Amino acid sequence: MSAGHSDDLHHDPAVAYESAKLGVWTFLATEVLLFGALFTAYTVFRLTYPGLFHAEHEKLNRVLGAVNTVVLITSSLTVALGIDAVKKGKAKLLTRYFGATILLAGVFLGVKCVEYAEKFHHGLFPRTNIFFALYYMMTGIHGIHVLIGMGVLAYVIVLARRGRFSEKYYTPVEMSGLYWHFVDLVWIYLFPLLYLAG
């Protein structure tokens, strides 16, 4: 293979896109393992202590949990709309949709802080019992992922404002959207597992 042909492959947008996609999916696979281990631990302890888990899950605020579910589902919609906008060459519209997503993520974390404060007020700390130890661990790690996602989306907005994206190149936009959909999907599993499954 000639050096020129190798350079063409290196700068080929399709190759770069597939490489980035593979990298993100590999990263998300490790995240699935992390949350899979937490879900497994929760299931094992729930089967071991069914009475305790039933009693303790009743202390969670289902309304706040449901509000946060709606917030994150809406944020997935705004991310999808942002990706669709950049595919049509509308970078300014992308920044608005991703900005809205960051705002919704802030609302999610704000609601979660209210919920945590409510639990602490009633003496429900991580050391209270195994249910709340798992609750704080699972929702806390998810919250960290939300914060990371906010940072990634903010960086994409900065790049968009610098004119880095067009209808021909938007790989970082799509990869950040993929990560955000994963974060939302994790919560879709956490909400019924923690708040509804008595």
C-alpha atoms as a PDB file:
ATOM      1  CA  MET A   1       0.000   0.000   0.000  1.00  0.00           C
ATOM      2  CA  SER A   2       1.453   3.409  -0.945  1.00  0.00           C
ATOM      3  CA  ALA A   3       1.983   6.181   1.592  1.00  0.00           C
ATOM      4  CA  GLY A   4      -0.501   8.362  -0.289  1.00  0.00           C
ATOM      5  CA  HIS A   5      -3.201   5.712  -0.129  1.00  0.00           C
ATOM      6  CA  SER A   6      -2.549   5.266   3.601  1.00  0.00           C
ATOM      7  CA  ASP A   7      -2.978   9.013   4.158  1.00  0.00           C
ATOM      8  CA  ASP A   8      -6.270   8.943   2.232  1.00  0.00           C
ATOM      9  CA  LEU A   9      -7.577   6.245   4.548  1.00  0.00           C
ATOM     10  CA  HIS A  10      -6.369   8.176   7.590  1.00  0.00           C
ATOM     11  CA  HIS A  11      -8.323  11.274   6.535  1.00  0.00           C
ATOM     12  CA  ASP A  12     -11.354   9.471   5.140  1.00  0.00           C
ATOM     13  CA  PRO A  13     -14.425  10.792   7.076  1.00  0.00           C
ATOM     14  CA  ALA A  14     -16.186   7.422   6.782  1.00  0.00           C
ATOM     15  CA  VAL A  15     -13.204   5.614   8.324  1.00  0.00           C
ATOM     16  CA  ALA A  16     -12.918   8.246  11.075  1.00  0.00           C
ATOM     17  CA  TYR A  17     -16.636   7.915  11.812  1.00  0.00           C
ATOM     18  CA  GLU A  18     -16.503   4.125  12.081  1.00  0.00           C
ATOM     19  CA  SER A  19     -13.385   4.308  14.276  1.00  0.00           C
ATOM     20  CA  ALA A  20     -15.042   6.812  16.606  1.00  0.00           C
ATOM     21  CA  LYS A  21     -18.223   4.745  16.733  1.00  0.00           C
ATOM     22  CA  LEU A  22     -16.250   1.608  17.593  1.00  0.00           C
ATOM     23  CA  GLY A  23     -14.412   3.501  20.335  1.00  0.00           C
ATOM     24  CA  VAL A  24     -17.625   4.819  21.888  1.00  0.00           C
ATOM     25  CA  TRP A  25     -19.334   1.408  21.737  1.00  0.00           C
ATOM     26  CA  THR A  26     -16.269  -0.192  23.387  1.00  0.00           C
ATOM     27  CA  PHE A  27     -16.403   2.400  26.152  1.00  0.00           C
ATOM     28  CA  LEU A  28     -20.144   1.903  26.604  1.00  0.00           C
ATOM     29  CA  ALA A  29     -19.596  -1.870  26.824  1.00  0.00           C
ATOM     30  CA  THR A  30     -17.410  -1.307  29.900  1.00  0.00           C
ATOM     31  CA  GLU A  31     -20.127   0.935  31.337  1.00  0.00           C
ATOM     32  CA  VAL A  32     -22.711  -1.791  30.757  1.00  0.00           C
ATOM     33  CA  LEU A  33     -20.503  -4.160  32.742  1.00  0.00           C
ATOM     34  CA  LEU A  34     -20.306  -1.640  35.592  1.00  0.00           C
ATOM     35  CA  PHE A  35     -24.039  -1.062  35.825  1.00  0.00           C
ATOM     36  CA  GLY A  36     -24.717  -4.737  35.121  1.00  0.00           C
ATOM     37  CA  ALA A  37     -22.697  -5.641  38.215  1.00  0.00           C
ATOM     38  CA  LEU A  38     -24.679  -3.128  40.285  1.00  0.00           C
ATOM     39  CA  PHE A  39     -28.012  -4.406  38.948  1.00  0.00           C
ATOM     40  CA  THR A  40     -26.922  -7.971  39.726  1.00  0.00           C
ATOM     41  CA  ALA A  41     -25.911  -7.045  43.283  1.00  0.00           C
ATOM     42  CA  TYR A  42     -29.248  -5.304  43.786  1.00  0.00           C
ATOM     43  CA  THR A  43     -31.150  -8.361  42.526  1.00  0.00           C
ATOM     44  CA  VAL A  44     -29.186 -10.768  44.732  1.00  0.00           C
ATOM     45  CA  PHE A  45     -29.719  -8.716  47.889  1.00  0.00           C
ATOM     46  CA  ARG A  46     -33.358  -8.078  47.034  1.00  0.00           C
ATOM     47  CA  LEU A  47     -33.975 -11.830  46.773  1.00  0.00           C
ATOM     48  CA  THR A  48     -32.077 -12.344  50.027  1.00  0.00           C
ATOM     49  CA  TYR A  49     -33.904  -9.614  51.978  1.00  0.00           C
ATOM     50  CA  PRO A  50     -37.304  -9.201  50.264  1.00  0.00           C
ATOM     51  CA  GLY A  51     -39.055  -7.756  53.329  1.00  0.00           C
ATOM     52  CA  LEU A  52     -36.381  -5.135  53.915  1.00  0.00           C
ATOM     53  CA  PHE A  53     -36.262  -4.049  50.271  1.00  0.00           C
ATOM     54  CA  HIS A  54     -40.052  -3.799  50.078  1.00  0.00           C
ATOM     55  CA  ALA A  55     -40.227  -1.652  53.214  1.00  0.00           C
ATOM     56  CA  GLU A  56     -37.328   0.603  52.260  1.00  0.00           C
ATOM     57  CA  HIS A  57     -38.355   1.215  48.658  1.00  0.00           C
ATOM     58  CA  GLU A  58     -41.625   2.635  50.009  1.00  0.00           C
ATOM     59  CA  LYS A  59     -39.561   5.511  51.470  1.00  0.00           C
ATOM     60  CA  LEU A  60     -38.524   6.716  48.016  1.00  0.00           C
ATOM     61  CA  ASN A  61     -40.366   9.626  46.442  1.00  0.00           C
ATOM     62  CA  ARG A  62     -42.027   8.169  43.346  1.00  0.00           C
ATOM     63  CA  VAL A  63     -43.244  11.568  42.168  1.00  0.00           C
ATOM     64  CA  LEU A  64     -39.719  13.020  42.069  1.00  0.00           C
ATOM     65  CA  GLY A  65     -38.463   9.822  40.436  1.00  0.00           C
ATOM     66  CA  ALA A  66     -41.179  10.066  37.778  1.00  0.00           C
ATOM     67  CA  VAL A  67     -40.435  13.767  37.195  1.00  0.00           C
ATOM     68  CA  ASN A  68     -36.784  12.941  36.618  1.00  0.00           C
ATOM     69  CA  THR A  69     -37.762  10.166  34.225  1.00  0.00           C
ATOM     70  CA  VAL A  70     -39.796  12.609  32.131  1.00  0.00           C
ATOM     71  CA  VAL A  71     -36.928  15.125  32.267  1.00  0.00           C
ATOM     72  CA  LEU A  72     -34.375  12.622  30.949  1.00  0.00           C
ATOM     73  CA  ILE A  73     -36.694  11.254  28.256  1.00  0.00           C
ATOM     74  CA  THR A  74     -37.224  14.841  27.091  1.00  0.00           C
ATOM     75  CA  SER A  75     -33.447  15.385  27.104  1.00  0.00           C
ATOM     76  CA  SER A  76     -33.034  12.379  24.811  1.00  0.00           C
ATOM     77  CA  LEU A  77     -35.491  14.035  22.429  1.00  0.00           C
ATOM     78  CA  THR A  78     -33.559  17.329  22.432  1.00  0.00           C
ATOM     79  CA  VAL A  79     -30.303  15.465  21.737  1.00  0.00           C
ATOM     80  CA  ALA A  80     -31.922  13.614  18.826  1.00  0.00           C
ATOM     81  CA  LEU A  81     -33.264  16.904  17.455  1.00  0.00           C
ATOM     82  CA  GLY A  82     -29.807  18.451  17.792  1.00  0.00           C
ATOM     83  CA  ILE A  83     -28.200  15.614  15.840  1.00  0.00           C
ATOM     84  CA  ASP A  84     -30.887  15.899  13.168  1.00  0.00           C
ATOM     85  CA  ALA A  85     -30.276  19.662  12.954  1.00  0.00           C
ATOM     86  CA  VAL A  86     -26.523  19.331  12.382  1.00  0.00           C
ATOM     87  CA  LYS A  87     -27.132  16.696   9.702  1.00  0.00           C
ATOM     88  CA  LYS A  88     -29.098  19.370   7.870  1.00  0.00           C
ATOM     89  CA  GLY A  89     -26.268  21.883   8.314  1.00  0.00           C
ATOM     90  CA  LYS A  90     -28.038  23.862  11.061  1.00  0.00           C
ATOM     91  CA  ALA A  91     -25.234  24.196  13.610  1.00  0.00           C
ATOM     92  CA  LYS A  92     -26.914  27.096  15.458  1.00  0.00           C
ATOM     93  CA  LEU A  93     -30.007  24.979  16.006  1.00  0.00           C
ATOM     94  CA  LEU A  94     -27.742  22.187  17.298  1.00  0.00           C
ATOM     95  CA  THR A  95     -26.359  24.496  19.993  1.00  0.00           C
ATOM     96  CA  ARG A  96     -29.871  25.395  21.110  1.00  0.00           C
ATOM     97  CA  TYR A  97     -31.007  21.799  21.376  1.00  0.00           C
ATOM     98  CA  PHE A  98     -27.835  20.693  23.165  1.00  0.00           C
ATOM     99  CA  GLY A  99     -28.112  23.739  25.431  1.00  0.00           C
ATOM    100  CA  ALA A 100     -31.649  22.653  26.291  1.00  0.00           C
ATOM    101  CA  THR A 101     -30.325  19.162  27.023  1.00  0.00           C
ATOM    102  CA  ILE A 102     -27.750  20.571  29.453  1.00  0.00           C
ATOM    103  CA  LEU A 103     -30.488  22.609  31.122  1.00  0.00           C
ATOM    104  CA  LEU A 104     -32.665  19.511  31.487  1.00  0.00           C
ATOM    105  CA  ALA A 105     -29.686  17.602  32.917  1.00  0.00           C
ATOM    106  CA  GLY A 106     -29.295  20.389  35.478  1.00  0.00           C
ATOM    107  CA  VAL A 107     -32.966  20.030  36.384  1.00  0.00           C
ATOM    108  CA  PHE A 108     -32.461  16.279  36.805  1.00  0.00           C
ATOM    109  CA  LEU A 109     -29.525  16.778  39.167  1.00  0.00           C
ATOM    110  CA  GLY A 110     -31.402  19.497  41.049  1.00  0.00           C
ATOM    111  CA  VAL A 111     -34.356  17.175  41.629  1.00  0.00           C
ATOM    112  CA  LYS A 112     -31.960  14.439  42.730  1.00  0.00           C
ATOM    113  CA  CYS A 113     -30.352  16.833  45.233  1.00  0.00           C
ATOM    114  CA  VAL A 114     -33.803  17.651  46.644  1.00  0.00           C
ATOM    115  CA  GLU A 115     -34.481  13.943  46.945  1.00  0.00           C
ATOM    116  CA  TYR A 116     -31.151  13.272  48.669  1.00  0.00           C
ATOM    117  CA  ALA A 117     -31.766  16.162  51.087  1.00  0.00           C
ATOM    118  CA  GLU A 118     -35.165  14.715  51.912  1.00  0.00           C
ATOM    119  CA  LYS A 119     -33.626  11.313  52.653  1.00  0.00           C
ATOM    120  CA  PHE A 120     -30.838  12.805  54.805  1.00  0.00           C
ATOM    121  CA  HIS A 121     -33.421  14.823  56.749  1.00  0.00           C
ATOM    122  CA  HIS A 122     -35.139  11.550  57.670  1.00  0.00           C
ATOM    123  CA  GLY A 123     -31.856   9.880  58.637  1.00  0.00           C
ATOM    124  CA  LEU A 124     -31.682   7.664  55.556  1.00  0.00           C
ATOM    125  CA  PHE A 125     -27.939   7.574  54.877  1.00  0.00           C
ATOM    126  CA  PRO A 126     -25.877   5.088  52.821  1.00  0.00           C
ATOM    127  CA  ARG A 127     -24.983   3.239  56.021  1.00  0.00           C
ATOM    128  CA  THR A 128     -28.657   2.896  57.021  1.00  0.00           C
ATOM    129  CA  ASN A 129     -29.071  -0.522  55.368  1.00  0.00           C
ATOM    130  CA  ILE A 130     -28.133  -2.463  52.236  1.00  0.00           C
ATOM    131  CA  PHE A 131     -31.053  -1.034  50.243  1.00  0.00           C
ATOM    132  CA  PHE A 132     -30.005   2.567  50.716  1.00  0.00           C
ATOM    133  CA  ALA A 133     -26.332   1.685  50.302  1.00  0.00           C
ATOM    134  CA  LEU A 134     -27.189   0.346  46.828  1.00  0.00           C
ATOM    135  CA  TYR A 135     -29.626   3.194  46.141  1.00  0.00           C
ATOM    136  CA  TYR A 136     -27.031   5.895  46.784  1.00  0.00           C
ATOM    137  CA  MET A 137     -24.320   3.977  44.945  1.00  0.00           C
ATOM    138  CA  MET A 138     -26.403   3.352  41.823  1.00  0.00           C
ATOM    139  CA  THR A 139     -28.013   6.790  41.597  1.00  0.00           C
ATOM    140  CA  GLY A 140     -24.756   8.502  42.588  1.00  0.00           C
ATOM    141  CA  ILE A 141     -22.720   6.791  39.866  1.00  0.00           C
ATOM    142  CA  HIS A 142     -25.485   7.595  37.402  1.00  0.00           C
ATOM    143  CA  GLY A 143     -25.397  11.213  38.538  1.00  0.00           C
ATOM    144  CA  ILE A 144     -21.652  11.348  37.849  1.00  0.00           C
ATOM    145  CA  HIS A 145     -22.361  10.085  34.339  1.00  0.00           C
ATOM    146  CA  VAL A 146     -24.934  12.852  33.903  1.00  0.00           C
ATOM    147  CA  LEU A 147     -22.304  15.432  34.918  1.00  0.00           C
ATOM    148  CA  ILE A 148     -19.803  13.953  32.453  1.00  0.00           C
ATOM    149  CA  GLY A 149     -22.461  14.051  29.746  1.00  0.00           C
ATOM    150  CA  MET A 150     -23.138  17.722  30.474  1.00  0.00           C
ATOM    151  CA  GLY A 151     -19.439  18.453  30.044  1.00  0.00           C
ATOM    152  CA  VAL A 152     -19.262  16.531  26.762  1.00  0.00           C
ATOM    153  CA  LEU A 153     -22.330  18.288  25.368  1.00  0.00           C
ATOM    154  CA  ALA A 154     -20.958  21.684  26.428  1.00  0.00           C
ATOM    155  CA  TYR A 155     -17.702  20.916  24.599  1.00  0.00           C
ATOM    156  CA  VAL A 156     -19.648  19.985  21.459  1.00  0.00           C
ATOM    157  CA  ILE A 157     -21.499  23.311  21.692  1.00  0.00           C
ATOM    158  CA  VAL A 158     -18.155  25.141  21.855  1.00  0.00           C
ATOM    159  CA  LEU A 159     -16.949  23.286  18.758  1.00  0.00           C
ATOM    160  CA  ALA A 160     -20.210  24.025  16.949  1.00  0.00           C
ATOM    161  CA  ARG A 161     -19.860  27.747  17.671  1.00  0.00           C
ATOM    162  CA  ARG A 162     -16.360  27.603  16.196  1.00  0.00           C
ATOM    163  CA  GLY A 163     -17.818  26.247  12.978  1.00  0.00           C
ATOM    164  CA  ARG A 164     -16.346  22.757  13.290  1.00  0.00           C
ATOM    165  CA  PHE A 165     -19.462  20.915  12.126  1.00  0.00           C
ATOM    166  CA  SER A 166     -21.455  20.730   8.922  1.00  0.00           C
ATOM    167  CA  GLU A 167     -23.850  18.353   7.207  1.00  0.00           C
ATOM    168  CA  LYS A 168     -20.746  16.480   6.001  1.00  0.00           C
ATOM    169  CA  TYR A 169     -18.922  16.218   9.341  1.00  0.00           C
ATOM    170  CA  TYR A 170     -20.644  15.826  12.698  1.00  0.00           C
ATOM    171  CA  THR A 171     -19.050  12.701  14.211  1.00  0.00           C
ATOM    172  CA  PRO A 172     -18.441  14.213  17.703  1.00  0.00           C
ATOM    173  CA  VAL A 173     -22.067  15.343  17.800  1.00  0.00           C
ATOM    174  CA  GLU A 174     -23.371  11.868  17.066  1.00  0.00           C
ATOM    175  CA  MET A 175     -20.936  10.199  19.494  1.00  0.00           C
ATOM    176  CA  SER A 176     -21.896  12.559  22.326  1.00  0.00           C
ATOM    177  CA  GLY A 177     -25.550  11.826  21.553  1.00  0.00           C
ATOM    178  CA  LEU A 178     -24.885   8.103  21.756  1.00  0.00           C
ATOM    179  CA  TYR A 179     -23.357   8.539  25.213  1.00  0.00           C
ATOM    180  CA  TRP A 180     -26.290  10.660  26.369  1.00  0.00           C
ATOM    181  CA  HIS A 181     -28.843   8.100  25.198  1.00  0.00           C
ATOM    182  CA  PHE A 182     -26.938   5.478  27.212  1.00  0.00           C
ATOM    183  CA  VAL A 183     -27.143   7.665  30.334  1.00  0.00           C
ATOM    184  CA  ASP A 184     -30.888   8.045  29.810  1.00  0.00           C
ATOM    185  CA  LEU A 185     -31.324   4.319  29.234  1.00  0.00           C
ATOM    186  CA  VAL A 186     -29.605   3.508  32.531  1.00  0.00           C
ATOM    187  CA  TRP A 187     -32.112   5.702  34.357  1.00  0.00           C
ATOM    188  CA  ILE A 188     -34.993   4.003  32.547  1.00  0.00           C
ATOM    189  CA  TYR A 189     -33.804   0.795  34.231  1.00  0.00           C
ATOM    190  CA  LEU A 190     -33.038   2.407  37.600  1.00  0.00           C
ATOM    191  CA  PHE A 191     -36.430   4.083  38.024  1.00  0.00           C
ATOM    192  CA  PRO A 192     -38.637   0.968  37.995  1.00  0.00           C
ATOM    193  CA  LEU A 193     -35.991  -1.141  39.740  1.00  0.00           C
ATOM    194  CA  LEU A 194     -35.662   1.204  42.715  1.00  0.00           C
ATOM    195  CA  TYR A 195     -38.952   3.087  42.842  1.00  0.00           C
ATOM    196  CA  LEU A 196     -41.616   0.737  41.498  1.00  0.00           C
ATOM    197  CA  ALA A 197     -40.513  -2.870  42.039  1.00  0.00           C
ATOM    198  CA  GLY A 198     -41.796  -3.519  45.537  1.00  0.00           C
END
